[in-house]
Amino acid sequence: MKGFHFPIFMTLVHLAVIFGLSALTRSILQLWTGKPRVVLKWAVYFRKVAPTAMATALDIGLSNWSFLFITISLYTMTKSSAVLFILFFSLIFKLEEPNPFLILVVLLISTGLFMFTFHSTQFNMEGFVMVLLAAFIGGIRWTLTQLLMQKAELGLQNPIDAMYHLQPLMFLGLFPLFLYNEALNLSMSEKLFRVTELRPLLYSLFTLTVGGLLAFGLGFSEFLLVSKTSSLTLSISGIFKEVCTLLLAASLMGDELSMLNWLGFAVCLCGISLHVGLKTYYSKNKLPSLQQHNRSSKLALPLLRQESDQDSTTDEDEGKEQEMVLN
């Protein structure tokens, strides 16, 4: 973002790379297994996938755009509020069971992140509003993503299939914003279209492509985690990623961290540890929860067991038909 001031165009390139890699991976999997991949009908596609795609596009677009105005510290502090929005929407859609420990986890993490980034913040109102809006939309995004991926009737439990269906609508959702805000300046920029030397052009293309590859890996891991756990678990585990980002920024860019920042880091880790401990405790004791009830009644089986379970169901149906014929 320091030398290439076109964040929406960068996001569009990343989306195109993700879609291409998803389509290629689907083709390889289809040739390898001999089973066709899921393709949604247009009516279902626009009704079920479009809201998630639009929320995802706005979240990513606003987040990348904000880096033109604010520092990593302010971005991380503000974007950490997405945990609160995700908890809010998860409780509304009954994806999480309300309990005081969950509230304590979110408060510890939010307080720790605020303390960790307090003194290193350079405030900018425009960037702050962008990130806060992205955090709110992010709460909607990941809640809808969990509903989308964990519904058995849609068949999008595999992260590759989910990304393949989401990217086109995300691209179309951001493209008008790109035309309005960046298209004219990009067409006159010497970074890409009016380049005078080959080396800067190759560097820009290389950087954009590598960013797309990283975005593909990040998206795959995020969607896989959501399909296996919940959007709140993804958000809380993502806090560790943000803390690592701040530590790298401090070491590579020379940001100074005070004692209050390190104390906030410790509080944040306590919140993450408490969440992991609670998840482990409830899973070992097999306590009932609203989330488990919803999964058993509406949602899909785990990703890695889906194909084998479908095969066994087919075998059972064939056995019943043969028995009826014999009778």
C-alpha atoms as a PDB file:
ATOM      1  CA  MET A   1       0.000   0.000   0.000  1.00  0.00           C
ATOM      2  CA  LYS A   2       2.980   2.353   0.377  1.00  0.00           C
ATOM      3  CA  GLY A   3       3.865   2.280  -3.297  1.00  0.00           C
ATOM      4  CA  PHE A   4       0.698   0.842  -4.881  1.00  0.00           C
ATOM      5  CA  HIS A   5      -2.296   2.972  -3.848  1.00  0.00           C
ATOM      6  CA  PHE A   6      -5.028   0.851  -5.420  1.00  0.00           C
ATOM      7  CA  PRO A   7      -6.378  -1.437  -2.678  1.00  0.00           C
ATOM      8  CA  ILE A   8      -9.669  -2.297  -4.415  1.00  0.00           C
ATOM      9  CA  PHE A   9      -7.870  -3.318  -7.615  1.00  0.00           C
ATOM     10  CA  MET A  10      -5.512  -5.425  -5.506  1.00  0.00           C
ATOM     11  CA  THR A  11      -8.518  -7.101  -3.891  1.00  0.00           C
ATOM     12  CA  LEU A  12     -10.070  -7.810  -7.304  1.00  0.00           C
ATOM     13  CA  VAL A  13      -6.831  -9.442  -8.498  1.00  0.00           C
ATOM     14  CA  HIS A  14      -6.741 -11.580  -5.351  1.00  0.00           C
ATOM     15  CA  LEU A  15     -10.354 -12.658  -5.918  1.00  0.00           C
ATOM     16  CA  ALA A  16      -9.558 -13.629  -9.518  1.00  0.00           C
ATOM     17  CA  VAL A  17      -6.536 -15.673  -8.385  1.00  0.00           C
ATOM     18  CA  ILE A  18      -8.601 -17.422  -5.700  1.00  0.00           C
ATOM     19  CA  PHE A  19     -11.352 -18.256  -8.197  1.00  0.00           C
ATOM     20  CA  GLY A  20      -8.851 -19.634 -10.714  1.00  0.00           C
ATOM     21  CA  LEU A  21      -7.110 -21.796  -8.117  1.00  0.00           C
ATOM     22  CA  SER A  22     -10.457 -23.015  -6.763  1.00  0.00           C
ATOM     23  CA  ALA A  23     -11.658 -23.997 -10.236  1.00  0.00           C
ATOM     24  CA  LEU A  24      -8.370 -25.781 -10.930  1.00  0.00           C
ATOM     25  CA  THR A  25      -8.501 -27.642  -7.611  1.00  0.00           C
ATOM     26  CA  ARG A  26     -12.108 -28.694  -8.223  1.00  0.00           C
ATOM     27  CA  SER A  27     -11.150 -30.093 -11.633  1.00  0.00           C
ATOM     28  CA  ILE A  28      -8.246 -32.038 -10.147  1.00  0.00           C
ATOM     29  CA  LEU A  29     -10.430 -33.440  -7.362  1.00  0.00           C
ATOM     30  CA  GLN A  30     -13.104 -34.458  -9.866  1.00  0.00           C
ATOM     31  CA  LEU A  31     -10.561 -36.296 -12.024  1.00  0.00           C
ATOM     32  CA  TRP A  32      -8.986 -37.896  -8.941  1.00  0.00           C
ATOM     33  CA  THR A  33     -12.199 -39.115  -7.282  1.00  0.00           C
ATOM     34  CA  GLY A  34     -14.381 -39.526 -10.354  1.00  0.00           C
ATOM     35  CA  LYS A  35     -17.242 -37.736  -8.577  1.00  0.00           C
ATOM     36  CA  PRO A  36     -18.761 -34.487  -9.871  1.00  0.00           C
ATOM     37  CA  ARG A  37     -18.378 -31.376  -7.718  1.00  0.00           C
ATOM     38  CA  VAL A  38     -21.406 -29.495  -6.447  1.00  0.00           C
ATOM     39  CA  VAL A  39     -22.807 -26.730  -8.684  1.00  0.00           C
ATOM     40  CA  LEU A  40     -25.703 -24.721  -7.269  1.00  0.00           C
ATOM     41  CA  LYS A  41     -28.709 -23.720  -9.339  1.00  0.00           C
ATOM     42  CA  TRP A  42     -28.964 -20.027 -10.197  1.00  0.00           C
ATOM     43  CA  ALA A  43     -31.991 -19.417  -7.971  1.00  0.00           C
ATOM     44  CA  VAL A  44     -30.329 -21.039  -4.956  1.00  0.00           C
ATOM     45  CA  TYR A  45     -27.044 -19.342  -5.809  1.00  0.00           C
ATOM     46  CA  PHE A  46     -28.421 -15.811  -5.721  1.00  0.00           C
ATOM     47  CA  ARG A  47     -30.717 -16.450  -2.756  1.00  0.00           C
ATOM     48  CA  LYS A  48     -28.275 -18.298  -0.486  1.00  0.00           C
ATOM     49  CA  VAL A  49     -24.768 -17.309  -1.598  1.00  0.00           C
ATOM     50  CA  ALA A  50     -25.225 -13.664  -2.632  1.00  0.00           C
ATOM     51  CA  PRO A  51     -25.691 -12.189   0.893  1.00  0.00           C
ATOM     52  CA  THR A  52     -22.536 -13.910   2.157  1.00  0.00           C
ATOM     53  CA  ALA A  53     -20.569 -12.866  -0.935  1.00  0.00           C
ATOM     54  CA  MET A  54     -21.614  -9.212  -0.669  1.00  0.00           C
ATOM     55  CA  ALA A  55     -20.767  -9.043   3.041  1.00  0.00           C
ATOM     56  CA  THR A  56     -17.388 -10.700   2.409  1.00  0.00           C
ATOM     57  CA  ALA A  57     -16.556  -8.344  -0.452  1.00  0.00           C
ATOM     58  CA  LEU A  58     -17.372  -5.245   1.598  1.00  0.00           C
ATOM     59  CA  ASP A  59     -15.444  -6.520   4.619  1.00  0.00           C
ATOM     60  CA  ILE A  60     -12.275  -7.254   2.638  1.00  0.00           C
ATOM     61  CA  GLY A  61     -12.576  -4.178   0.424  1.00  0.00           C
ATOM     62  CA  LEU A  62     -13.050  -1.707   3.282  1.00  0.00           C
ATOM     63  CA  SER A  63     -10.278  -3.352   5.316  1.00  0.00           C
ATOM     64  CA  ASN A  64      -7.747  -3.078   2.480  1.00  0.00           C
ATOM     65  CA  TRP A  65      -8.886   0.449   1.630  1.00  0.00           C
ATOM     66  CA  SER A  66      -8.365   1.616   5.212  1.00  0.00           C
ATOM     67  CA  PHE A  67      -4.618   0.893   5.048  1.00  0.00           C
ATOM     68  CA  LEU A  68      -4.252   4.027   2.916  1.00  0.00           C
ATOM     69  CA  PHE A  69      -5.223   6.123   5.948  1.00  0.00           C
ATOM     70  CA  ILE A  70      -4.343   4.323   9.186  1.00  0.00           C
ATOM     71  CA  THR A  71      -1.568   2.342  10.820  1.00  0.00           C
ATOM     72  CA  ILE A  72      -1.574  -1.374  11.582  1.00  0.00           C
ATOM     73  CA  SER A  73      -2.054  -0.594  15.280  1.00  0.00           C
ATOM     74  CA  LEU A  74      -5.254   1.396  14.792  1.00  0.00           C
ATOM     75  CA  TYR A  75      -6.512  -1.138  12.263  1.00  0.00           C
ATOM     76  CA  THR A  76      -5.972  -4.061  14.656  1.00  0.00           C
ATOM     77  CA  MET A  77      -7.494  -2.247  17.630  1.00  0.00           C
ATOM     78  CA  THR A  78     -10.617  -1.299  15.670  1.00  0.00           C
ATOM     79  CA  LYS A  79     -11.006  -4.577  13.745  1.00  0.00           C
ATOM     80  CA  SER A  80     -10.846  -6.488  17.035  1.00  0.00           C
ATOM     81  CA  SER A  81     -14.379  -5.257  17.692  1.00  0.00           C
ATOM     82  CA  ALA A  82     -15.461  -7.777  15.031  1.00  0.00           C
ATOM     83  CA  VAL A  83     -15.368 -10.391  17.815  1.00  0.00           C
ATOM     84  CA  LEU A  84     -18.180  -8.546  19.571  1.00  0.00           C
ATOM     85  CA  PHE A  85     -20.239  -8.260  16.376  1.00  0.00           C
ATOM     86  CA  ILE A  86     -19.707 -11.945  15.553  1.00  0.00           C
ATOM     87  CA  LEU A  87     -20.816 -12.907  19.065  1.00  0.00           C
ATOM     88  CA  PHE A  88     -23.883 -10.672  18.700  1.00  0.00           C
ATOM     89  CA  PHE A  89     -24.977 -12.172  15.385  1.00  0.00           C
ATOM     90  CA  SER A  90     -24.081 -15.727  16.503  1.00  0.00           C
ATOM     91  CA  LEU A  91     -26.415 -15.351  19.473  1.00  0.00           C
ATOM     92  CA  ILE A  92     -29.159 -13.916  17.249  1.00  0.00           C
ATOM     93  CA  PHE A  93     -28.927 -16.864  14.827  1.00  0.00           C
ATOM     94  CA  LYS A  94     -28.537 -19.286  17.778  1.00  0.00           C
ATOM     95  CA  LEU A  95     -25.157 -20.560  16.586  1.00  0.00           C
ATOM     96  CA  GLU A  96     -23.600 -20.082  20.019  1.00  0.00           C
ATOM     97  CA  GLU A  97     -24.976 -20.894  23.450  1.00  0.00           C
ATOM     98  CA  PRO A  98     -25.171 -17.788  25.680  1.00  0.00           C
ATOM     99  CA  ASN A  99     -23.122 -18.187  28.848  1.00  0.00           C
ATOM    100  CA  PRO A 100     -21.105 -15.839  31.097  1.00  0.00           C
ATOM    101  CA  PHE A 101     -17.780 -17.480  30.225  1.00  0.00           C
ATOM    102  CA  LEU A 102     -18.238 -16.579  26.547  1.00  0.00           C
ATOM    103  CA  ILE A 103     -18.820 -12.933  27.470  1.00  0.00           C
ATOM    104  CA  LEU A 104     -15.717 -13.016  29.672  1.00  0.00           C
ATOM    105  CA  VAL A 105     -13.595 -14.416  26.824  1.00  0.00           C
ATOM    106  CA  VAL A 106     -14.675 -11.655  24.433  1.00  0.00           C
ATOM    107  CA  LEU A 107     -14.135  -8.923  27.047  1.00  0.00           C
ATOM    108  CA  LEU A 108     -10.644 -10.209  27.887  1.00  0.00           C
ATOM    109  CA  ILE A 109      -9.607 -10.312  24.242  1.00  0.00           C
ATOM    110  CA  SER A 110     -11.090  -6.920  23.369  1.00  0.00           C
ATOM    111  CA  THR A 111      -9.583  -5.260  26.442  1.00  0.00           C
ATOM    112  CA  GLY A 112      -6.213  -6.874  25.832  1.00  0.00           C
ATOM    113  CA  LEU A 113      -6.110  -5.756  22.206  1.00  0.00           C
ATOM    114  CA  PHE A 114      -7.058  -2.199  23.150  1.00  0.00           C
ATOM    115  CA  MET A 115      -4.277  -2.086  25.740  1.00  0.00           C
ATOM    116  CA  PHE A 116      -1.839  -3.715  23.312  1.00  0.00           C
ATOM    117  CA  THR A 117      -2.363  -1.012  20.686  1.00  0.00           C
ATOM    118  CA  PHE A 118      -3.237   2.023  22.836  1.00  0.00           C
ATOM    119  CA  HIS A 119      -0.041   4.074  22.738  1.00  0.00           C
ATOM    120  CA  SER A 120       0.905   3.110  19.189  1.00  0.00           C
ATOM    121  CA  THR A 121      -2.242   4.541  17.606  1.00  0.00           C
ATOM    122  CA  GLN A 122      -2.145   7.394  15.075  1.00  0.00           C
ATOM    123  CA  PHE A 123      -5.779   8.341  14.725  1.00  0.00           C
ATOM    124  CA  ASN A 124      -7.438   9.065  11.386  1.00  0.00           C
ATOM    125  CA  MET A 125     -11.221   9.466  11.319  1.00  0.00           C
ATOM    126  CA  GLU A 126     -11.761   8.336   7.716  1.00  0.00           C
ATOM    127  CA  GLY A 127      -9.753   5.142   8.142  1.00  0.00           C
ATOM    128  CA  PHE A 128     -11.280   4.509  11.569  1.00  0.00           C
ATOM    129  CA  VAL A 129     -14.830   4.658  10.170  1.00  0.00           C
ATOM    130  CA  MET A 130     -13.858   2.292   7.338  1.00  0.00           C
ATOM    131  CA  VAL A 131     -12.428  -0.323   9.706  1.00  0.00           C
ATOM    132  CA  LEU A 132     -15.329  -0.019  12.161  1.00  0.00           C
ATOM    133  CA  LEU A 133     -17.810  -0.511   9.327  1.00  0.00           C
ATOM    134  CA  ALA A 134     -15.737  -3.463   8.059  1.00  0.00           C
ATOM    135  CA  ALA A 135     -15.796  -4.985  11.559  1.00  0.00           C
ATOM    136  CA  PHE A 136     -19.592  -4.705  11.722  1.00  0.00           C
ATOM    137  CA  ILE A 137     -20.000  -6.215   8.243  1.00  0.00           C
ATOM    138  CA  GLY A 138     -17.439  -8.876   9.215  1.00  0.00           C
ATOM    139  CA  GLY A 139     -19.740 -10.003  12.016  1.00  0.00           C
ATOM    140  CA  ILE A 140     -22.518 -10.525   9.483  1.00  0.00           C
ATOM    141  CA  ARG A 141     -20.086 -12.090   7.008  1.00  0.00           C
ATOM    142  CA  TRP A 142     -18.773 -14.893   9.186  1.00  0.00           C
ATOM    143  CA  THR A 143     -22.153 -15.673  10.723  1.00  0.00           C
ATOM    144  CA  LEU A 144     -23.647 -16.074   7.238  1.00  0.00           C
ATOM    145  CA  THR A 145     -20.588 -18.076   6.166  1.00  0.00           C
ATOM    146  CA  GLN A 146     -21.124 -20.534   9.007  1.00  0.00           C
ATOM    147  CA  LEU A 147     -24.788 -20.940   8.063  1.00  0.00           C
ATOM    148  CA  LEU A 148     -23.823 -21.372   4.403  1.00  0.00           C
ATOM    149  CA  MET A 149     -21.124 -23.994   4.912  1.00  0.00           C
ATOM    150  CA  GLN A 150     -22.813 -26.061   7.618  1.00  0.00           C
ATOM    151  CA  LYS A 151     -26.101 -26.622   5.785  1.00  0.00           C
ATOM    152  CA  ALA A 152     -26.113 -30.128   4.342  1.00  0.00           C
ATOM    153  CA  GLU A 153     -28.612 -29.395   1.582  1.00  0.00           C
ATOM    154  CA  LEU A 154     -26.289 -26.845  -0.083  1.00  0.00           C
ATOM    155  CA  GLY A 155     -23.261 -29.152  -0.196  1.00  0.00           C
ATOM    156  CA  LEU A 156     -20.689 -26.388   0.341  1.00  0.00           C
ATOM    157  CA  GLN A 157     -18.923 -27.969   3.311  1.00  0.00           C
ATOM    158  CA  ASN A 158     -15.702 -28.225   1.316  1.00  0.00           C
ATOM    159  CA  PRO A 159     -13.804 -24.891   1.464  1.00  0.00           C
ATOM    160  CA  ILE A 160     -12.814 -25.203  -2.211  1.00  0.00           C
ATOM    161  CA  ASP A 161     -16.456 -25.411  -3.296  1.00  0.00           C
ATOM    162  CA  ALA A 162     -17.414 -22.512  -1.023  1.00  0.00           C
ATOM    163  CA  MET A 163     -14.653 -20.250  -2.364  1.00  0.00           C
ATOM    164  CA  TYR A 164     -15.471 -21.224  -5.962  1.00  0.00           C
ATOM    165  CA  HIS A 165     -19.082 -20.092  -5.528  1.00  0.00           C
ATOM    166  CA  LEU A 166     -18.318 -16.935  -3.509  1.00  0.00           C
ATOM    167  CA  GLN A 167     -15.587 -15.280  -5.595  1.00  0.00           C
ATOM    168  CA  PRO A 168     -17.616 -14.294  -8.719  1.00  0.00           C
ATOM    169  CA  LEU A 169     -20.260 -12.429  -6.722  1.00  0.00           C
ATOM    170  CA  MET A 170     -17.579 -10.833  -4.554  1.00  0.00           C
ATOM    171  CA  PHE A 171     -15.812  -9.610  -7.696  1.00  0.00           C
ATOM    172  CA  LEU A 172     -19.039  -8.187  -9.143  1.00  0.00           C
ATOM    173  CA  GLY A 173     -19.841  -6.519  -5.833  1.00  0.00           C
ATOM    174  CA  LEU A 174     -16.517  -4.655  -5.656  1.00  0.00           C
ATOM    175  CA  PHE A 175     -16.114  -3.855  -9.349  1.00  0.00           C
ATOM    176  CA  PRO A 176     -18.463  -0.814  -9.392  1.00  0.00           C
ATOM    177  CA  LEU A 177     -16.574   0.633  -6.418  1.00  0.00           C
ATOM    178  CA  PHE A 178     -13.325   0.114  -8.316  1.00  0.00           C
ATOM    179  CA  LEU A 179     -14.699   1.900 -11.391  1.00  0.00           C
ATOM    180  CA  TYR A 180     -15.832   4.848  -9.289  1.00  0.00           C
ATOM    181  CA  ASN A 181     -12.763   5.249  -7.113  1.00  0.00           C
ATOM    182  CA  GLU A 182      -9.662   3.798  -8.810  1.00  0.00           C
ATOM    183  CA  ALA A 183     -10.164   2.988 -12.491  1.00  0.00           C
ATOM    184  CA  LEU A 184      -9.184   6.383 -13.903  1.00  0.00           C
ATOM    185  CA  ASN A 185      -6.151   6.828 -11.662  1.00  0.00           C
ATOM    186  CA  LEU A 186      -4.983   3.268 -12.315  1.00  0.00           C
ATOM    187  CA  SER A 187      -5.198   3.750 -16.079  1.00  0.00           C
ATOM    188  CA  MET A 188      -2.823   6.741 -15.762  1.00  0.00           C
ATOM    189  CA  SER A 189      -0.520   5.152 -13.194  1.00  0.00           C
ATOM    190  CA  GLU A 190       3.071   4.283 -14.070  1.00  0.00           C
ATOM    191  CA  LYS A 191       2.822   1.303 -11.717  1.00  0.00           C
ATOM    192  CA  LEU A 192       0.856  -0.768 -14.210  1.00  0.00           C
ATOM    193  CA  PHE A 193      -0.674   0.494 -17.458  1.00  0.00           C
ATOM    194  CA  ARG A 194       1.625   3.452 -18.237  1.00  0.00           C
ATOM    195  CA  VAL A 195       4.781   1.743 -17.108  1.00  0.00           C
ATOM    196  CA  THR A 196       8.023   2.966 -18.721  1.00  0.00           C
ATOM    197  CA  GLU A 197      10.294   0.210 -17.449  1.00  0.00           C
ATOM    198  CA  LEU A 198       9.755  -3.538 -17.358  1.00  0.00           C
ATOM    199  CA  ARG A 199      11.120  -4.136 -13.861  1.00  0.00           C
ATOM    200  CA  PRO A 200       8.437  -2.145 -11.926  1.00  0.00           C
ATOM    201  CA  LEU A 201       5.708  -3.867 -13.951  1.00  0.00           C
ATOM    202  CA  LEU A 202       7.081  -7.330 -13.189  1.00  0.00           C
ATOM    203  CA  TYR A 203       7.422  -6.413  -9.517  1.00  0.00           C
ATOM    204  CA  SER A 204       3.796  -5.236  -9.335  1.00  0.00           C
ATOM    205  CA  LEU A 205       2.507  -8.370 -11.085  1.00  0.00           C
ATOM    206  CA  PHE A 206       4.655 -10.614  -8.906  1.00  0.00           C
ATOM    207  CA  THR A 207       3.490  -8.920  -5.697  1.00  0.00           C
ATOM    208  CA  LEU A 208      -0.182  -9.082  -6.701  1.00  0.00           C
ATOM    209  CA  THR A 209       0.092 -12.766  -7.663  1.00  0.00           C
ATOM    210  CA  VAL A 210       1.885 -13.769  -4.467  1.00  0.00           C
ATOM    211  CA  GLY A 211      -0.732 -11.856  -2.477  1.00  0.00           C
ATOM    212  CA  GLY A 212      -3.431 -13.822  -4.295  1.00  0.00           C
ATOM    213  CA  LEU A 213      -1.726 -17.127  -3.447  1.00  0.00           C
ATOM    214  CA  LEU A 214      -1.526 -16.131   0.218  1.00  0.00           C
ATOM    215  CA  ALA A 215      -5.177 -15.035   0.127  1.00  0.00           C
ATOM    216  CA  PHE A 216      -6.132 -18.456  -1.287  1.00  0.00           C
ATOM    217  CA  GLY A 217      -4.340 -20.245   1.552  1.00  0.00           C
ATOM    218  CA  LEU A 218      -5.822 -17.923   4.153  1.00  0.00           C
ATOM    219  CA  GLY A 219      -9.337 -18.300   2.748  1.00  0.00           C
ATOM    220  CA  PHE A 220      -9.067 -22.082   2.617  1.00  0.00           C
ATOM    221  CA  SER A 221      -7.952 -22.317   6.252  1.00  0.00           C
ATOM    222  CA  GLU A 222     -10.638 -19.857   7.416  1.00  0.00           C
ATOM    223  CA  PHE A 223     -13.473 -21.632   5.590  1.00  0.00           C
ATOM    224  CA  LEU A 224     -12.245 -25.021   6.781  1.00  0.00           C
ATOM    225  CA  LEU A 225     -12.218 -23.811  10.396  1.00  0.00           C
ATOM    226  CA  VAL A 226     -15.720 -22.339  10.067  1.00  0.00           C
ATOM    227  CA  SER A 227     -17.069 -25.575   8.550  1.00  0.00           C
ATOM    228  CA  LYS A 228     -15.617 -27.615  11.428  1.00  0.00           C
ATOM    229  CA  THR A 229     -16.206 -25.240  14.373  1.00  0.00           C
ATOM    230  CA  SER A 230     -17.876 -21.819  14.401  1.00  0.00           C
ATOM    231  CA  SER A 231     -17.429 -18.240  13.241  1.00  0.00           C
ATOM    232  CA  LEU A 232     -16.659 -17.139  16.814  1.00  0.00           C
ATOM    233  CA  THR A 233     -13.862 -19.697  17.113  1.00  0.00           C
ATOM    234  CA  LEU A 234     -12.430 -18.417  13.825  1.00  0.00           C
ATOM    235  CA  SER A 235     -12.533 -14.833  15.063  1.00  0.00           C
ATOM    236  CA  ILE A 236     -10.879 -15.656  18.372  1.00  0.00           C
ATOM    237  CA  SER A 237      -8.150 -17.736  16.735  1.00  0.00           C
ATOM    238  CA  GLY A 238      -7.698 -14.900  14.239  1.00  0.00           C
ATOM    239  CA  ILE A 239      -6.800 -12.625  17.143  1.00  0.00           C
ATOM    240  CA  PHE A 240      -3.536 -14.563  17.455  1.00  0.00           C
ATOM    241  CA  LYS A 241      -2.848 -13.759  13.791  1.00  0.00           C
ATOM    242  CA  GLU A 242      -3.422 -10.054  14.459  1.00  0.00           C
ATOM    243  CA  VAL A 243      -1.138 -10.090  17.494  1.00  0.00           C
ATOM    244  CA  CYS A 244       1.585 -11.739  15.407  1.00  0.00           C
ATOM    245  CA  THR A 245       1.064  -9.038  12.766  1.00  0.00           C
ATOM    246  CA  LEU A 246       1.639  -6.339  15.379  1.00  0.00           C
ATOM    247  CA  LEU A 247       4.756  -8.062  16.689  1.00  0.00           C
ATOM    248  CA  LEU A 248       6.168  -8.290  13.166  1.00  0.00           C
ATOM    249  CA  ALA A 249       5.292  -4.642  12.550  1.00  0.00           C
ATOM    250  CA  ALA A 250       7.127  -3.688  15.719  1.00  0.00           C
ATOM    251  CA  SER A 251      10.236  -5.643  14.743  1.00  0.00           C
ATOM    252  CA  LEU A 252      10.291  -4.797  11.018  1.00  0.00           C
ATOM    253  CA  MET A 253       8.907  -1.257  11.014  1.00  0.00           C
ATOM    254  CA  GLY A 254      10.355  -0.018  14.299  1.00  0.00           C
ATOM    255  CA  ASP A 255       7.144   0.516  16.281  1.00  0.00           C
ATOM    256  CA  GLU A 256       7.850   0.852  19.999  1.00  0.00           C
ATOM    257  CA  LEU A 257       5.770  -1.155  22.488  1.00  0.00           C
ATOM    258  CA  SER A 258       5.329   0.059  26.075  1.00  0.00           C
ATOM    259  CA  MET A 259       4.714  -1.946  29.236  1.00  0.00           C
ATOM    260  CA  LEU A 260       0.966  -1.317  28.829  1.00  0.00           C
ATOM    261  CA  ASN A 261       1.120  -2.848  25.350  1.00  0.00           C
ATOM    262  CA  TRP A 262       2.816  -6.003  26.642  1.00  0.00           C
ATOM    263  CA  LEU A 263       0.309  -6.208  29.517  1.00  0.00           C
ATOM    264  CA  GLY A 264      -2.499  -6.052  26.964  1.00  0.00           C
ATOM    265  CA  PHE A 265      -0.788  -8.807  25.007  1.00  0.00           C
ATOM    266  CA  ALA A 266      -0.842 -10.991  28.139  1.00  0.00           C
ATOM    267  CA  VAL A 267      -4.541 -10.239  28.777  1.00  0.00           C
ATOM    268  CA  CYS A 268      -5.344 -11.115  25.162  1.00  0.00           C
ATOM    269  CA  LEU A 269      -3.532 -14.458  25.440  1.00  0.00           C
ATOM    270  CA  CYS A 270      -5.479 -15.187  28.657  1.00  0.00           C
ATOM    271  CA  GLY A 271      -8.747 -14.713  26.774  1.00  0.00           C
ATOM    272  CA  ILE A 272      -7.620 -17.001  23.954  1.00  0.00           C
ATOM    273  CA  SER A 273      -6.431 -19.643  26.426  1.00  0.00           C
ATOM    274  CA  LEU A 274      -9.733 -19.496  28.319  1.00  0.00           C
ATOM    275  CA  HIS A 275     -11.699 -20.042  25.120  1.00  0.00           C
ATOM    276  CA  VAL A 276      -9.543 -23.020  24.107  1.00  0.00           C
ATOM    277  CA  GLY A 277      -9.854 -24.486  27.604  1.00  0.00           C
ATOM    278  CA  LEU A 278     -13.642 -24.119  27.636  1.00  0.00           C
ATOM    279  CA  LYS A 279     -13.962 -25.710  24.187  1.00  0.00           C
ATOM    280  CA  THR A 280     -11.814 -28.639  25.314  1.00  0.00           C
ATOM    281  CA  TYR A 281     -13.749 -29.047  28.562  1.00  0.00           C
ATOM    282  CA  TYR A 282     -17.178 -29.055  26.905  1.00  0.00           C
ATOM    283  CA  SER A 283     -16.073 -31.421  24.138  1.00  0.00           C
ATOM    284  CA  LYS A 284     -14.607 -33.931  26.624  1.00  0.00           C
ATOM    285  CA  ASN A 285     -17.663 -33.901  28.859  1.00  0.00           C
ATOM    286  CA  LYS A 286     -20.042 -33.975  25.869  1.00  0.00           C
ATOM    287  CA  LEU A 287     -22.315 -31.345  27.363  1.00  0.00           C
ATOM    288  CA  PRO A 288     -25.309 -30.467  25.164  1.00  0.00           C
ATOM    289  CA  SER A 289     -25.366 -27.081  23.534  1.00  0.00           C
ATOM    290  CA  LEU A 290     -27.551 -25.227  21.123  1.00  0.00           C
ATOM    291  CA  GLN A 291     -24.817 -25.372  18.510  1.00  0.00           C
ATOM    292  CA  GLN A 292     -24.546 -29.158  18.710  1.00  0.00           C
ATOM    293  CA  HIS A 293     -28.334 -29.443  18.527  1.00  0.00           C
ATOM    294  CA  ASN A 294     -28.474 -27.305  15.414  1.00  0.00           C
ATOM    295  CA  ARG A 295     -25.725 -29.319  13.763  1.00  0.00           C
ATOM    296  CA  SER A 296     -27.445 -32.616  14.470  1.00  0.00           C
ATOM    297  CA  SER A 297     -30.776 -31.422  13.115  1.00  0.00           C
ATOM    298  CA  LYS A 298     -29.903 -29.051  10.250  1.00  0.00           C
ATOM    299  CA  LEU A 299     -26.233 -29.000   9.495  1.00  0.00           C
ATOM    300  CA  ALA A 300     -23.832 -31.244   7.673  1.00  0.00           C
ATOM    301  CA  LEU A 301     -21.554 -33.966   8.871  1.00  0.00           C
ATOM    302  CA  PRO A 302     -17.840 -33.185   9.216  1.00  0.00           C
ATOM    303  CA  LEU A 303     -16.011 -32.441   5.992  1.00  0.00           C
ATOM    304  CA  LEU A 304     -13.718 -35.441   5.869  1.00  0.00           C
ATOM    305  CA  ARG A 305     -16.520 -37.919   6.581  1.00  0.00           C
ATOM    306  CA  GLN A 306     -19.050 -36.596   4.116  1.00  0.00           C
ATOM    307  CA  GLU A 307     -18.170 -38.674   1.066  1.00  0.00           C
ATOM    308  CA  SER A 308     -17.798 -41.936   2.995  1.00  0.00           C
ATOM    309  CA  ASP A 309     -21.149 -41.395   4.731  1.00  0.00           C
ATOM    310  CA  GLN A 310     -22.824 -40.772   1.372  1.00  0.00           C
ATOM    311  CA  ASP A 311     -21.351 -44.019   0.020  1.00  0.00           C
ATOM    312  CA  SER A 312     -22.577 -46.007   3.022  1.00  0.00           C
ATOM    313  CA  THR A 313     -26.073 -44.483   2.691  1.00  0.00           C
ATOM    314  CA  THR A 314     -26.168 -45.499  -0.980  1.00  0.00           C
ATOM    315  CA  ASP A 315     -25.156 -49.059  -0.081  1.00  0.00           C
ATOM    316  CA  GLU A 316     -27.915 -49.271   2.535  1.00  0.00           C
ATOM    317  CA  ASP A 317     -30.535 -48.055   0.042  1.00  0.00           C
ATOM    318  CA  GLU A 318     -29.435 -50.624  -2.537  1.00  0.00           C
ATOM    319  CA  GLY A 319     -29.634 -53.376   0.099  1.00  0.00           C
ATOM    320  CA  LYS A 320     -33.191 -52.371   1.017  1.00  0.00           C
ATOM    321  CA  GLU A 321     -34.260 -52.388  -2.641  1.00  0.00           C
ATOM    322  CA  GLN A 322     -32.821 -55.878  -3.163  1.00  0.00           C
ATOM    323  CA  GLU A 323     -34.630 -57.122  -0.043  1.00  0.00           C
ATOM    324  CA  MET A 324     -37.942 -55.719  -1.317  1.00  0.00           C
ATOM    325  CA  VAL A 325     -37.444 -57.465  -4.682  1.00  0.00           C
ATOM    326  CA  LEU A 326     -36.753 -60.809  -2.975  1.00  0.00           C
ATOM    327  CA  ASN A 327     -39.859 -60.481  -0.817  1.00  0.00           C
END
